[in-house]
Amino acid sequence: MFRVLAGIVAVAFVGGLLASGWRPPAITVGSATAPPPPSPTATAAPVAIVPTPVPTPSPTPAPSPTQMPNGCWPPPADLAPATLFYHAPRTGPKVIALTFDDGTNSVNVRRIIGVLAKNKVNATFFPTGQSVHLFPDLWKSIADMGYPIANHTYSHQSLKGLCFQLQLAELLHDEQVLRDLGVTMLPVMRPPYEEFDNTTRLATTAAGESHVVLWDIDTNDWRGLTTRAIIAAALRGKAGSIILMHTSPVNTAHALPAIIGRFRKRGYTFVTIGQLLGIGGPVPFPPPGPSPGPSASPVPTP
């Protein structure tokens, strides 16, 4: 009974409160708050990997040349020796090259050039620079006639045994003398007395000349031989021969007409050293057709 009464009283109390405007507080069910998502981790920008340069080793410098006891310097190590040339191949055309050395006897030089020009014969001259200095007008006129002039040194001293610088100076001095006359030298040389060494060949190359031109027929005219002896010596020439003569002996000029006539009867043609080597150069009497001179290859010492 008491419980019923207490319930009635409680209902009546609550009803009074509601009638006065009271409202019970809202009851919210708490929900678990989700943790905030993790902040995105910043991605690092890619880093370019630059390879470490490998140092290029410096080339080993070539050793400096050492001055020799005589005060000279050795020739450059990369210099190739000029080619020795004694005669053209024997299997080629029937050609002969007449050559004349020195040039100090101007009167006899004029005799020789007169015989050559009259007979329309090609030949090559090897005067020394001193001879050209002594008779510049003569040698300029010979060059103007179309005869090739090649190097025979300036002073006609033996080159063998001289150091590279001295040999080169002899060749360059001779070149300069002709250049001052407006004459282009045939780019070959002949050593005085046939005396040379490997340094001579190197100096020849350094001077811009391709061949050391020697001979296979020596007339020995400089010994004072008779005209007949000079003729006989010259006529030993064969196809491709280079005949050595000199401008000083009077008998050389006297022997020339017979030498020219005999070779021509045998069917030979006279050529310059440039024609014989195939390197060109001036030719006073060029052939009407193709050059008869072969393109010669080096010929070993006979």
C-alpha atoms as a PDB file:
ATOM      1  CA  MET A   1       0.000   0.000   0.000  1.00  0.00           C
ATOM      2  CA  PHE A   2       2.810   2.329   0.893  1.00  0.00           C
ATOM      3  CA  ARG A   3       4.518   1.656  -2.397  1.00  0.00           C
ATOM      4  CA  VAL A   4       1.376   2.508  -4.276  1.00  0.00           C
ATOM      5  CA  LEU A   5       0.996   5.699  -2.359  1.00  0.00           C
ATOM      6  CA  ALA A   6       4.635   6.656  -2.961  1.00  0.00           C
ATOM      7  CA  GLY A   7       4.193   6.065  -6.656  1.00  0.00           C
ATOM      8  CA  ILE A   8       1.105   8.236  -6.776  1.00  0.00           C
ATOM      9  CA  VAL A   9       2.956  11.018  -4.972  1.00  0.00           C
ATOM     10  CA  ALA A  10       5.938  10.782  -7.403  1.00  0.00           C
ATOM     11  CA  VAL A  11       3.686  10.920 -10.446  1.00  0.00           C
ATOM     12  CA  ALA A  12       1.887  13.902  -9.057  1.00  0.00           C
ATOM     13  CA  PHE A  13       5.232  15.661  -8.363  1.00  0.00           C
ATOM     14  CA  VAL A  14       6.544  15.116 -11.808  1.00  0.00           C
ATOM     15  CA  GLY A  15       3.266  16.161 -13.345  1.00  0.00           C
ATOM     16  CA  GLY A  16       3.485  19.419 -11.426  1.00  0.00           C
ATOM     17  CA  LEU A  17       6.944  20.094 -12.697  1.00  0.00           C
ATOM     18  CA  LEU A  18       5.933  19.467 -16.263  1.00  0.00           C
ATOM     19  CA  ALA A  19       2.943  21.705 -15.821  1.00  0.00           C
ATOM     20  CA  SER A  20       5.272  24.519 -14.694  1.00  0.00           C
ATOM     21  CA  GLY A  21       7.344  24.208 -17.936  1.00  0.00           C
ATOM     22  CA  TRP A  22      10.276  22.187 -16.731  1.00  0.00           C
ATOM     23  CA  ARG A  23      11.850  19.859 -19.257  1.00  0.00           C
ATOM     24  CA  PRO A  24      14.242  17.108 -18.472  1.00  0.00           C
ATOM     25  CA  PRO A  25      17.758  17.645 -19.864  1.00  0.00           C
ATOM     26  CA  ALA A  26      18.578  15.971 -23.189  1.00  0.00           C
ATOM     27  CA  ILE A  27      20.549  12.881 -22.733  1.00  0.00           C
ATOM     28  CA  THR A  28      23.174  12.318 -25.508  1.00  0.00           C
ATOM     29  CA  VAL A  29      24.918   9.109 -26.085  1.00  0.00           C
ATOM     30  CA  GLY A  30      28.572   9.864 -26.407  1.00  0.00           C
ATOM     31  CA  SER A  31      30.229   8.429 -29.518  1.00  0.00           C
ATOM     32  CA  ALA A  32      33.881   7.759 -29.804  1.00  0.00           C
ATOM     33  CA  THR A  33      35.615  10.564 -31.672  1.00  0.00           C
ATOM     34  CA  ALA A  34      37.654   9.181 -34.569  1.00  0.00           C
ATOM     35  CA  PRO A  35      41.224  10.286 -34.345  1.00  0.00           C
ATOM     36  CA  PRO A  36      42.231  12.694 -37.088  1.00  0.00           C
ATOM     37  CA  PRO A  37      43.878  11.032 -40.070  1.00  0.00           C
ATOM     38  CA  PRO A  38      47.613  11.245 -40.025  1.00  0.00           C
ATOM     39  CA  SER A  39      49.085  14.118 -41.986  1.00  0.00           C
ATOM     40  CA  PRO A  40      50.532  12.912 -45.279  1.00  0.00           C
ATOM     41  CA  THR A  41      54.267  12.559 -45.110  1.00  0.00           C
ATOM     42  CA  ALA A  42      55.915  15.026 -47.463  1.00  0.00           C
ATOM     43  CA  THR A  43      57.663  13.178 -50.334  1.00  0.00           C
ATOM     44  CA  ALA A  44      61.188  14.382 -50.786  1.00  0.00           C
ATOM     45  CA  ALA A  45      62.011  15.736 -54.270  1.00  0.00           C
ATOM     46  CA  PRO A  46      64.283  13.392 -56.296  1.00  0.00           C
ATOM     47  CA  VAL A  47      67.914  14.361 -56.122  1.00  0.00           C
ATOM     48  CA  ALA A  48      69.964  14.117 -59.340  1.00  0.00           C
ATOM     49  CA  ILE A  49      73.079  12.057 -58.821  1.00  0.00           C
ATOM     50  CA  VAL A  50      75.948  13.733 -60.631  1.00  0.00           C
ATOM     51  CA  PRO A  51      78.759  11.302 -61.353  1.00  0.00           C
ATOM     52  CA  THR A  52      82.095  12.341 -60.052  1.00  0.00           C
ATOM     53  CA  PRO A  53      84.247  13.269 -63.059  1.00  0.00           C
ATOM     54  CA  VAL A  54      87.214  11.032 -63.555  1.00  0.00           C
ATOM     55  CA  PRO A  55      90.259  13.233 -64.155  1.00  0.00           C
ATOM     56  CA  THR A  56      91.886  12.719 -67.538  1.00  0.00           C
ATOM     57  CA  PRO A  57      95.543  11.966 -67.085  1.00  0.00           C
ATOM     58  CA  SER A  58      97.773  14.582 -68.661  1.00  0.00           C
ATOM     59  CA  PRO A  59      99.924  13.266 -71.496  1.00  0.00           C
ATOM     60  CA  THR A  60     103.460  12.652 -70.552  1.00  0.00           C
ATOM     61  CA  PRO A  61     105.453  15.503 -72.083  1.00  0.00           C
ATOM     62  CA  ALA A  62     108.122  14.506 -74.568  1.00  0.00           C
ATOM     63  CA  PRO A  63     111.538  14.941 -73.148  1.00  0.00           C
ATOM     64  CA  SER A  64     113.237  18.100 -74.265  1.00  0.00           C
ATOM     65  CA  PRO A  65     116.113  17.575 -76.659  1.00  0.00           C
ATOM     66  CA  THR A  66     119.491  17.754 -75.058  1.00  0.00           C
ATOM     67  CA  GLN A  67     122.095  20.015 -76.523  1.00  0.00           C
ATOM     68  CA  MET A  68     125.047  18.060 -77.836  1.00  0.00           C
ATOM     69  CA  PRO A  69     128.647  18.702 -76.747  1.00  0.00           C
ATOM     70  CA  ASN A  70     129.393  20.578 -79.979  1.00  0.00           C
ATOM     71  CA  GLY A  71     126.646  23.099 -79.217  1.00  0.00           C
ATOM     72  CA  CYS A  72     124.201  21.738 -81.789  1.00  0.00           C
ATOM     73  CA  TRP A  73     120.750  20.356 -81.182  1.00  0.00           C
ATOM     74  CA  PRO A  74     119.617  16.975 -82.512  1.00  0.00           C
ATOM     75  CA  PRO A  75     117.078  16.846 -85.370  1.00  0.00           C
ATOM     76  CA  PRO A  76     113.377  16.518 -84.497  1.00  0.00           C
ATOM     77  CA  ALA A  77     112.508  12.959 -83.550  1.00  0.00           C
ATOM     78  CA  ASP A  78     109.580  12.751 -85.994  1.00  0.00           C
ATOM     79  CA  LEU A  79     111.607  13.796 -89.059  1.00  0.00           C
ATOM     80  CA  ALA A  80     111.805  11.201 -91.853  1.00  0.00           C
ATOM     81  CA  PRO A  81     114.991  10.992 -93.933  1.00  0.00           C
ATOM     82  CA  ALA A  82     114.837  12.057 -97.580  1.00  0.00           C
ATOM     83  CA  THR A  83     114.981   9.319-100.212  1.00  0.00           C
ATOM     84  CA  LEU A  84     118.283   8.433-101.856  1.00  0.00           C
ATOM     85  CA  PHE A  85     118.075   8.335-105.652  1.00  0.00           C
ATOM     86  CA  TYR A  86     120.781   6.977-107.949  1.00  0.00           C
ATOM     87  CA  HIS A  87     118.852   6.157-111.119  1.00  0.00           C
ATOM     88  CA  ALA A  88     115.383   5.333-112.385  1.00  0.00           C
ATOM     89  CA  PRO A  89     114.177   1.749-112.898  1.00  0.00           C
ATOM     90  CA  ARG A  90     115.998   0.050-115.769  1.00  0.00           C
ATOM     91  CA  THR A  91     112.743  -1.378-117.092  1.00  0.00           C
ATOM     92  CA  GLY A  92     111.327   2.053-117.893  1.00  0.00           C
ATOM     93  CA  PRO A  93     111.633   4.148-121.056  1.00  0.00           C
ATOM     94  CA  LYS A  94     115.014   4.834-122.608  1.00  0.00           C
ATOM     95  CA  VAL A  95     115.710   8.108-120.852  1.00  0.00           C
ATOM     96  CA  ILE A  96     118.931   9.760-119.687  1.00  0.00           C
ATOM     97  CA  ALA A  97     119.343  12.648-117.213  1.00  0.00           C
ATOM     98  CA  LEU A  98     122.349  14.927-117.740  1.00  0.00           C
ATOM     99  CA  THR A  99     123.340  16.851-114.608  1.00  0.00           C
ATOM    100  CA  PHE A 100     125.916  19.607-114.094  1.00  0.00           C
ATOM    101  CA  ASP A 101     127.400  20.613-110.730  1.00  0.00           C
ATOM    102  CA  ASP A 102     129.063  23.687-109.215  1.00  0.00           C
ATOM    103  CA  GLY A 103     128.783  26.640-111.651  1.00  0.00           C
ATOM    104  CA  THR A 104     131.867  28.697-110.826  1.00  0.00           C
ATOM    105  CA  ASN A 105     133.215  28.903-114.406  1.00  0.00           C
ATOM    106  CA  SER A 106     130.698  31.302-115.941  1.00  0.00           C
ATOM    107  CA  VAL A 107     132.299  31.205-119.410  1.00  0.00           C
ATOM    108  CA  ASN A 108     132.069  27.433-119.577  1.00  0.00           C
ATOM    109  CA  VAL A 109     128.544  27.464-118.173  1.00  0.00           C
ATOM    110  CA  ARG A 110     127.550  29.587-121.166  1.00  0.00           C
ATOM    111  CA  ARG A 111     129.224  27.110-123.525  1.00  0.00           C
ATOM    112  CA  ILE A 112     127.358  24.205-121.957  1.00  0.00           C
ATOM    113  CA  ILE A 113     123.986  25.954-121.970  1.00  0.00           C
ATOM    114  CA  GLY A 114     124.566  26.969-125.583  1.00  0.00           C
ATOM    115  CA  VAL A 115     125.109  23.338-126.669  1.00  0.00           C
ATOM    116  CA  LEU A 116     122.081  22.157-124.701  1.00  0.00           C
ATOM    117  CA  ALA A 117     119.786  24.864-126.073  1.00  0.00           C
ATOM    118  CA  LYS A 118     120.994  24.406-129.653  1.00  0.00           C
ATOM    119  CA  ASN A 119     120.252  20.675-129.514  1.00  0.00           C
ATOM    120  CA  LYS A 120     117.061  21.088-127.462  1.00  0.00           C
ATOM    121  CA  VAL A 121     118.338  18.892-124.648  1.00  0.00           C
ATOM    122  CA  ASN A 122     116.847  18.814-121.168  1.00  0.00           C
ATOM    123  CA  ALA A 123     119.271  18.827-118.226  1.00  0.00           C
ATOM    124  CA  THR A 124     119.425  19.762-114.549  1.00  0.00           C
ATOM    125  CA  PHE A 125     121.892  22.102-112.827  1.00  0.00           C
ATOM    126  CA  PHE A 126     123.217  21.907-109.270  1.00  0.00           C
ATOM    127  CA  PRO A 127     125.124  25.189-108.732  1.00  0.00           C
ATOM    128  CA  THR A 128     126.321  26.242-105.301  1.00  0.00           C
ATOM    129  CA  GLY A 129     124.814  29.302-103.676  1.00  0.00           C
ATOM    130  CA  GLN A 130     128.177  31.025-103.902  1.00  0.00           C
ATOM    131  CA  SER A 131     128.224  30.520-107.690  1.00  0.00           C
ATOM    132  CA  VAL A 132     124.764  32.035-107.981  1.00  0.00           C
ATOM    133  CA  HIS A 133     125.930  34.945-105.822  1.00  0.00           C
ATOM    134  CA  LEU A 134     128.876  35.495-108.134  1.00  0.00           C
ATOM    135  CA  PHE A 135     126.859  35.302-111.364  1.00  0.00           C
ATOM    136  CA  PRO A 136     123.224  36.080-110.533  1.00  0.00           C
ATOM    137  CA  ASP A 137     122.306  37.265-114.038  1.00  0.00           C
ATOM    138  CA  LEU A 138     123.683  34.095-115.608  1.00  0.00           C
ATOM    139  CA  TRP A 139     121.755  31.752-113.336  1.00  0.00           C
ATOM    140  CA  LYS A 140     118.591  33.817-113.552  1.00  0.00           C
ATOM    141  CA  SER A 141     118.776  33.559-117.364  1.00  0.00           C
ATOM    142  CA  ILE A 142     119.291  29.775-117.159  1.00  0.00           C
ATOM    143  CA  ALA A 143     116.235  29.465-114.925  1.00  0.00           C
ATOM    144  CA  ASP A 144     114.260  31.707-117.302  1.00  0.00           C
ATOM    145  CA  MET A 145     115.143  29.304-120.132  1.00  0.00           C
ATOM    146  CA  GLY A 146     113.287  26.602-118.230  1.00  0.00           C
ATOM    147  CA  TYR A 147     116.237  24.635-116.874  1.00  0.00           C
ATOM    148  CA  PRO A 148     115.667  23.316-113.337  1.00  0.00           C
ATOM    149  CA  ILE A 149     118.136  24.388-110.656  1.00  0.00           C
ATOM    150  CA  ALA A 150     118.531  22.211-107.562  1.00  0.00           C
ATOM    151  CA  ASN A 151     120.364  22.451-104.233  1.00  0.00           C
ATOM    152  CA  HIS A 152     124.114  21.804-104.012  1.00  0.00           C
ATOM    153  CA  THR A 153     124.642  23.672-100.699  1.00  0.00           C
ATOM    154  CA  TYR A 154     125.816  27.228-100.403  1.00  0.00           C
ATOM    155  CA  SER A 155     129.564  26.787 -99.892  1.00  0.00           C
ATOM    156  CA  HIS A 156     130.262  23.318-101.338  1.00  0.00           C
ATOM    157  CA  GLN A 157     131.676  22.006 -98.084  1.00  0.00           C
ATOM    158  CA  SER A 158     131.346  18.346 -97.176  1.00  0.00           C
ATOM    159  CA  LEU A 159     128.210  17.806 -95.121  1.00  0.00           C
ATOM    160  CA  LYS A 160     129.155  14.435 -93.673  1.00  0.00           C
ATOM    161  CA  GLY A 161     129.771  14.666 -89.947  1.00  0.00           C
ATOM    162  CA  LEU A 162     128.332  18.149 -89.535  1.00  0.00           C
ATOM    163  CA  CYS A 163     125.519  18.521 -87.037  1.00  0.00           C
ATOM    164  CA  PHE A 164     121.919  18.858 -88.164  1.00  0.00           C
ATOM    165  CA  GLN A 165     121.747  22.628 -87.734  1.00  0.00           C
ATOM    166  CA  LEU A 166     124.839  23.289 -89.810  1.00  0.00           C
ATOM    167  CA  GLN A 167     123.751  20.985 -92.633  1.00  0.00           C
ATOM    168  CA  LEU A 168     120.304  22.532 -92.690  1.00  0.00           C
ATOM    169  CA  ALA A 169     121.805  26.026 -92.729  1.00  0.00           C
ATOM    170  CA  GLU A 170     123.835  25.163 -95.845  1.00  0.00           C
ATOM    171  CA  LEU A 171     120.730  24.003 -97.693  1.00  0.00           C
ATOM    172  CA  LEU A 172     118.513  26.872 -96.589  1.00  0.00           C
ATOM    173  CA  HIS A 173     121.167  29.442 -97.479  1.00  0.00           C
ATOM    174  CA  ASP A 174     121.347  28.078-101.032  1.00  0.00           C
ATOM    175  CA  GLU A 175     117.552  28.149-101.296  1.00  0.00           C
ATOM    176  CA  GLN A 176     117.458  31.747-100.101  1.00  0.00           C
ATOM    177  CA  VAL A 177     119.979  32.907-102.707  1.00  0.00           C
ATOM    178  CA  LEU A 178     117.789  31.566-105.507  1.00  0.00           C
ATOM    179  CA  ARG A 179     114.619  32.838-103.865  1.00  0.00           C
ATOM    180  CA  ASP A 180     116.108  36.326-103.813  1.00  0.00           C
ATOM    181  CA  LEU A 181     116.475  36.031-107.612  1.00  0.00           C
ATOM    182  CA  GLY A 182     112.861  35.008-107.961  1.00  0.00           C
ATOM    183  CA  VAL A 183     113.854  31.433-108.863  1.00  0.00           C
ATOM    184  CA  THR A 184     112.012  28.437-107.436  1.00  0.00           C
ATOM    185  CA  MET A 185     114.434  25.628-106.689  1.00  0.00           C
ATOM    186  CA  LEU A 186     113.674  22.055-107.738  1.00  0.00           C
ATOM    187  CA  PRO A 187     113.099  20.437-104.305  1.00  0.00           C
ATOM    188  CA  VAL A 188     115.990  17.968-104.371  1.00  0.00           C
ATOM    189  CA  MET A 189     119.625  18.219-103.301  1.00  0.00           C
ATOM    190  CA  ARG A 190     123.022  16.761-104.187  1.00  0.00           C
ATOM    191  CA  PRO A 191     125.737  16.566-101.509  1.00  0.00           C
ATOM    192  CA  PRO A 192     129.184  17.844-102.500  1.00  0.00           C
ATOM    193  CA  TYR A 193     131.796  15.109-103.042  1.00  0.00           C
ATOM    194  CA  GLU A 194     129.012  12.492-102.594  1.00  0.00           C
ATOM    195  CA  GLU A 195     129.703  12.805 -98.870  1.00  0.00           C
ATOM    196  CA  PHE A 196     126.621  12.581 -96.697  1.00  0.00           C
ATOM    197  CA  ASP A 197     125.166  10.756 -93.709  1.00  0.00           C
ATOM    198  CA  ASN A 198     121.735  10.149 -92.259  1.00  0.00           C
ATOM    199  CA  THR A 199     121.760  13.642 -90.780  1.00  0.00           C
ATOM    200  CA  THR A 200     122.092  14.959 -94.338  1.00  0.00           C
ATOM    201  CA  ARG A 201     118.928  13.115 -95.292  1.00  0.00           C
ATOM    202  CA  LEU A 202     117.093  14.537 -92.286  1.00  0.00           C
ATOM    203  CA  ALA A 203     118.300  18.055 -93.051  1.00  0.00           C
ATOM    204  CA  THR A 204     117.152  17.605 -96.661  1.00  0.00           C
ATOM    205  CA  THR A 205     113.642  16.782 -95.474  1.00  0.00           C
ATOM    206  CA  ALA A 206     113.669  19.700 -93.037  1.00  0.00           C
ATOM    207  CA  ALA A 207     114.635  22.002 -95.931  1.00  0.00           C
ATOM    208  CA  GLY A 208     111.509  20.885 -97.814  1.00  0.00           C
ATOM    209  CA  GLU A 209     113.361  18.694-100.306  1.00  0.00           C
ATOM    210  CA  SER A 210     112.275  15.144-101.087  1.00  0.00           C
ATOM    211  CA  HIS A 211     115.365  13.410-102.488  1.00  0.00           C
ATOM    212  CA  VAL A 212     119.118  13.224-102.156  1.00  0.00           C
ATOM    213  CA  VAL A 213     120.007  12.895-105.841  1.00  0.00           C
ATOM    214  CA  LEU A 214     123.214  11.081-106.646  1.00  0.00           C
ATOM    215  CA  TRP A 215     124.219   9.308-109.890  1.00  0.00           C
ATOM    216  CA  ASP A 216     125.152   5.979-111.409  1.00  0.00           C
ATOM    217  CA  ILE A 217     127.478   7.366-114.122  1.00  0.00           C
ATOM    218  CA  ASP A 218     130.408   9.582-113.085  1.00  0.00           C
ATOM    219  CA  THR A 219     132.333  11.068-116.014  1.00  0.00           C
ATOM    220  CA  ASN A 220     135.162  12.137-113.679  1.00  0.00           C
ATOM    221  CA  ASP A 221     135.493  15.221-115.870  1.00  0.00           C
ATOM    222  CA  TRP A 222     136.737  17.214-112.875  1.00  0.00           C
ATOM    223  CA  ARG A 223     139.951  15.153-112.933  1.00  0.00           C
ATOM    224  CA  GLY A 224     141.051  16.858-116.143  1.00  0.00           C
ATOM    225  CA  LEU A 225     140.148  14.001-118.503  1.00  0.00           C
ATOM    226  CA  THR A 226     140.316  14.365-122.260  1.00  0.00           C
ATOM    227  CA  THR A 227     137.215  15.029-124.321  1.00  0.00           C
ATOM    228  CA  ARG A 228     137.311  11.458-125.634  1.00  0.00           C
ATOM    229  CA  ALA A 229     137.537  10.010-122.111  1.00  0.00           C
ATOM    230  CA  ILE A 230     134.569  12.073-120.953  1.00  0.00           C
ATOM    231  CA  ILE A 231     132.519  10.893-123.925  1.00  0.00           C
ATOM    232  CA  ALA A 232     133.398   7.247-123.259  1.00  0.00           C
ATOM    233  CA  ALA A 233     132.502   7.533-119.595  1.00  0.00           C
ATOM    234  CA  ALA A 234     129.140   9.196-120.292  1.00  0.00           C
ATOM    235  CA  LEU A 235     128.150   6.617-122.909  1.00  0.00           C
ATOM    236  CA  ARG A 236     128.173   3.889-120.261  1.00  0.00           C
ATOM    237  CA  GLY A 237     124.762   5.196-119.305  1.00  0.00           C
ATOM    238  CA  LYS A 238     121.699   2.942-119.563  1.00  0.00           C
ATOM    239  CA  ALA A 239     117.959   3.428-119.328  1.00  0.00           C
ATOM    240  CA  GLY A 240     117.209   5.647-116.337  1.00  0.00           C
ATOM    241  CA  SER A 241     120.835   6.696-115.774  1.00  0.00           C
ATOM    242  CA  ILE A 242     121.862   9.928-114.094  1.00  0.00           C
ATOM    243  CA  ILE A 243     125.133  11.229-115.561  1.00  0.00           C
ATOM    244  CA  LEU A 244     127.324  13.452-113.396  1.00  0.00           C
ATOM    245  CA  MET A 245     129.302  16.251-115.050  1.00  0.00           C
ATOM    246  CA  HIS A 246     130.662  19.605-113.919  1.00  0.00           C
ATOM    247  CA  THR A 247     130.449  23.096-115.343  1.00  0.00           C
ATOM    248  CA  SER A 248     134.112  24.024-114.862  1.00  0.00           C
ATOM    249  CA  PRO A 249     136.062  21.642-117.210  1.00  0.00           C
ATOM    250  CA  VAL A 250     136.307  23.009-120.747  1.00  0.00           C
ATOM    251  CA  ASN A 251     136.413  19.470-122.123  1.00  0.00           C
ATOM    252  CA  THR A 252     132.958  18.813-120.703  1.00  0.00           C
ATOM    253  CA  ALA A 253     131.512  21.427-123.039  1.00  0.00           C
ATOM    254  CA  HIS A 254     133.547  19.976-125.907  1.00  0.00           C
ATOM    255  CA  ALA A 255     132.288  16.444-125.197  1.00  0.00           C
ATOM    256  CA  LEU A 256     128.611  17.356-125.034  1.00  0.00           C
ATOM    257  CA  PRO A 257     127.740  17.343-128.778  1.00  0.00           C
ATOM    258  CA  ALA A 258     129.095  13.798-129.221  1.00  0.00           C
ATOM    259  CA  ILE A 259     127.383  12.565-126.027  1.00  0.00           C
ATOM    260  CA  ILE A 260     124.056  13.987-127.163  1.00  0.00           C
ATOM    261  CA  GLY A 261     124.365  12.628-130.695  1.00  0.00           C
ATOM    262  CA  ARG A 262     125.383   9.113-129.668  1.00  0.00           C
ATOM    263  CA  PHE A 263     122.578   8.707-127.145  1.00  0.00           C
ATOM    264  CA  ARG A 264     120.000   9.943-129.616  1.00  0.00           C
ATOM    265  CA  LYS A 265     121.197   7.429-132.211  1.00  0.00           C
ATOM    266  CA  ARG A 266     120.538   4.749-129.591  1.00  0.00           C
ATOM    267  CA  GLY A 267     116.977   5.985-129.200  1.00  0.00           C
ATOM    268  CA  TYR A 268     117.356   7.816-125.885  1.00  0.00           C
ATOM    269  CA  THR A 269     115.442  10.895-124.721  1.00  0.00           C
ATOM    270  CA  PHE A 270     116.973  13.461-122.389  1.00  0.00           C
ATOM    271  CA  VAL A 271     114.936  14.338-119.295  1.00  0.00           C
ATOM    272  CA  THR A 272     115.268  16.501-116.211  1.00  0.00           C
ATOM    273  CA  ILE A 273     115.630  15.079-112.714  1.00  0.00           C
ATOM    274  CA  GLY A 274     112.081  16.256-112.034  1.00  0.00           C
ATOM    275  CA  GLN A 275     110.824  14.193-114.976  1.00  0.00           C
ATOM    276  CA  LEU A 276     112.889  11.189-113.939  1.00  0.00           C
ATOM    277  CA  LEU A 277     111.493  11.294-110.405  1.00  0.00           C
ATOM    278  CA  GLY A 278     107.987  12.172-111.510  1.00  0.00           C
ATOM    279  CA  ILE A 279     107.911  15.268-109.264  1.00  0.00           C
ATOM    280  CA  GLY A 280     107.447  17.872-111.987  1.00  0.00           C
ATOM    281  CA  GLY A 281     109.370  21.115-112.073  1.00  0.00           C
ATOM    282  CA  PRO A 282     110.489  23.194-115.045  1.00  0.00           C
ATOM    283  CA  VAL A 283     111.289  21.460-118.340  1.00  0.00           C
ATOM    284  CA  PRO A 284     112.922  23.550-121.098  1.00  0.00           C
ATOM    285  CA  PHE A 285     111.869  21.197-123.897  1.00  0.00           C
ATOM    286  CA  PRO A 286     108.757  19.301-122.834  1.00  0.00           C
ATOM    287  CA  PRO A 287     107.733  16.308-124.931  1.00  0.00           C
ATOM    288  CA  PRO A 288     104.784  16.762-127.305  1.00  0.00           C
ATOM    289  CA  GLY A 289     102.892  13.868-125.755  1.00  0.00           C
ATOM    290  CA  PRO A 290     102.974  12.220-122.331  1.00  0.00           C
ATOM    291  CA  SER A 291     106.188  12.707-120.404  1.00  0.00           C
ATOM    292  CA  PRO A 292     108.727   9.988-121.176  1.00  0.00           C
ATOM    293  CA  GLY A 293     110.116  10.077-117.679  1.00  0.00           C
ATOM    294  CA  PRO A 294     108.917   7.294-115.365  1.00  0.00           C
ATOM    295  CA  SER A 295     107.577   7.912-111.918  1.00  0.00           C
ATOM    296  CA  ALA A 296     110.654   6.518-110.294  1.00  0.00           C
ATOM    297  CA  SER A 297     110.799   4.484-107.134  1.00  0.00           C
ATOM    298  CA  PRO A 298     113.780   4.617-104.773  1.00  0.00           C
ATOM    299  CA  VAL A 299     116.750   2.690-106.093  1.00  0.00           C
ATOM    300  CA  PRO A 300     119.180   1.183-103.582  1.00  0.00           C
ATOM    301  CA  THR A 301     122.847   1.998-103.601  1.00  0.00           C
ATOM    302  CA  PRO A 302     124.439   0.246-106.569  1.00  0.00           C
END
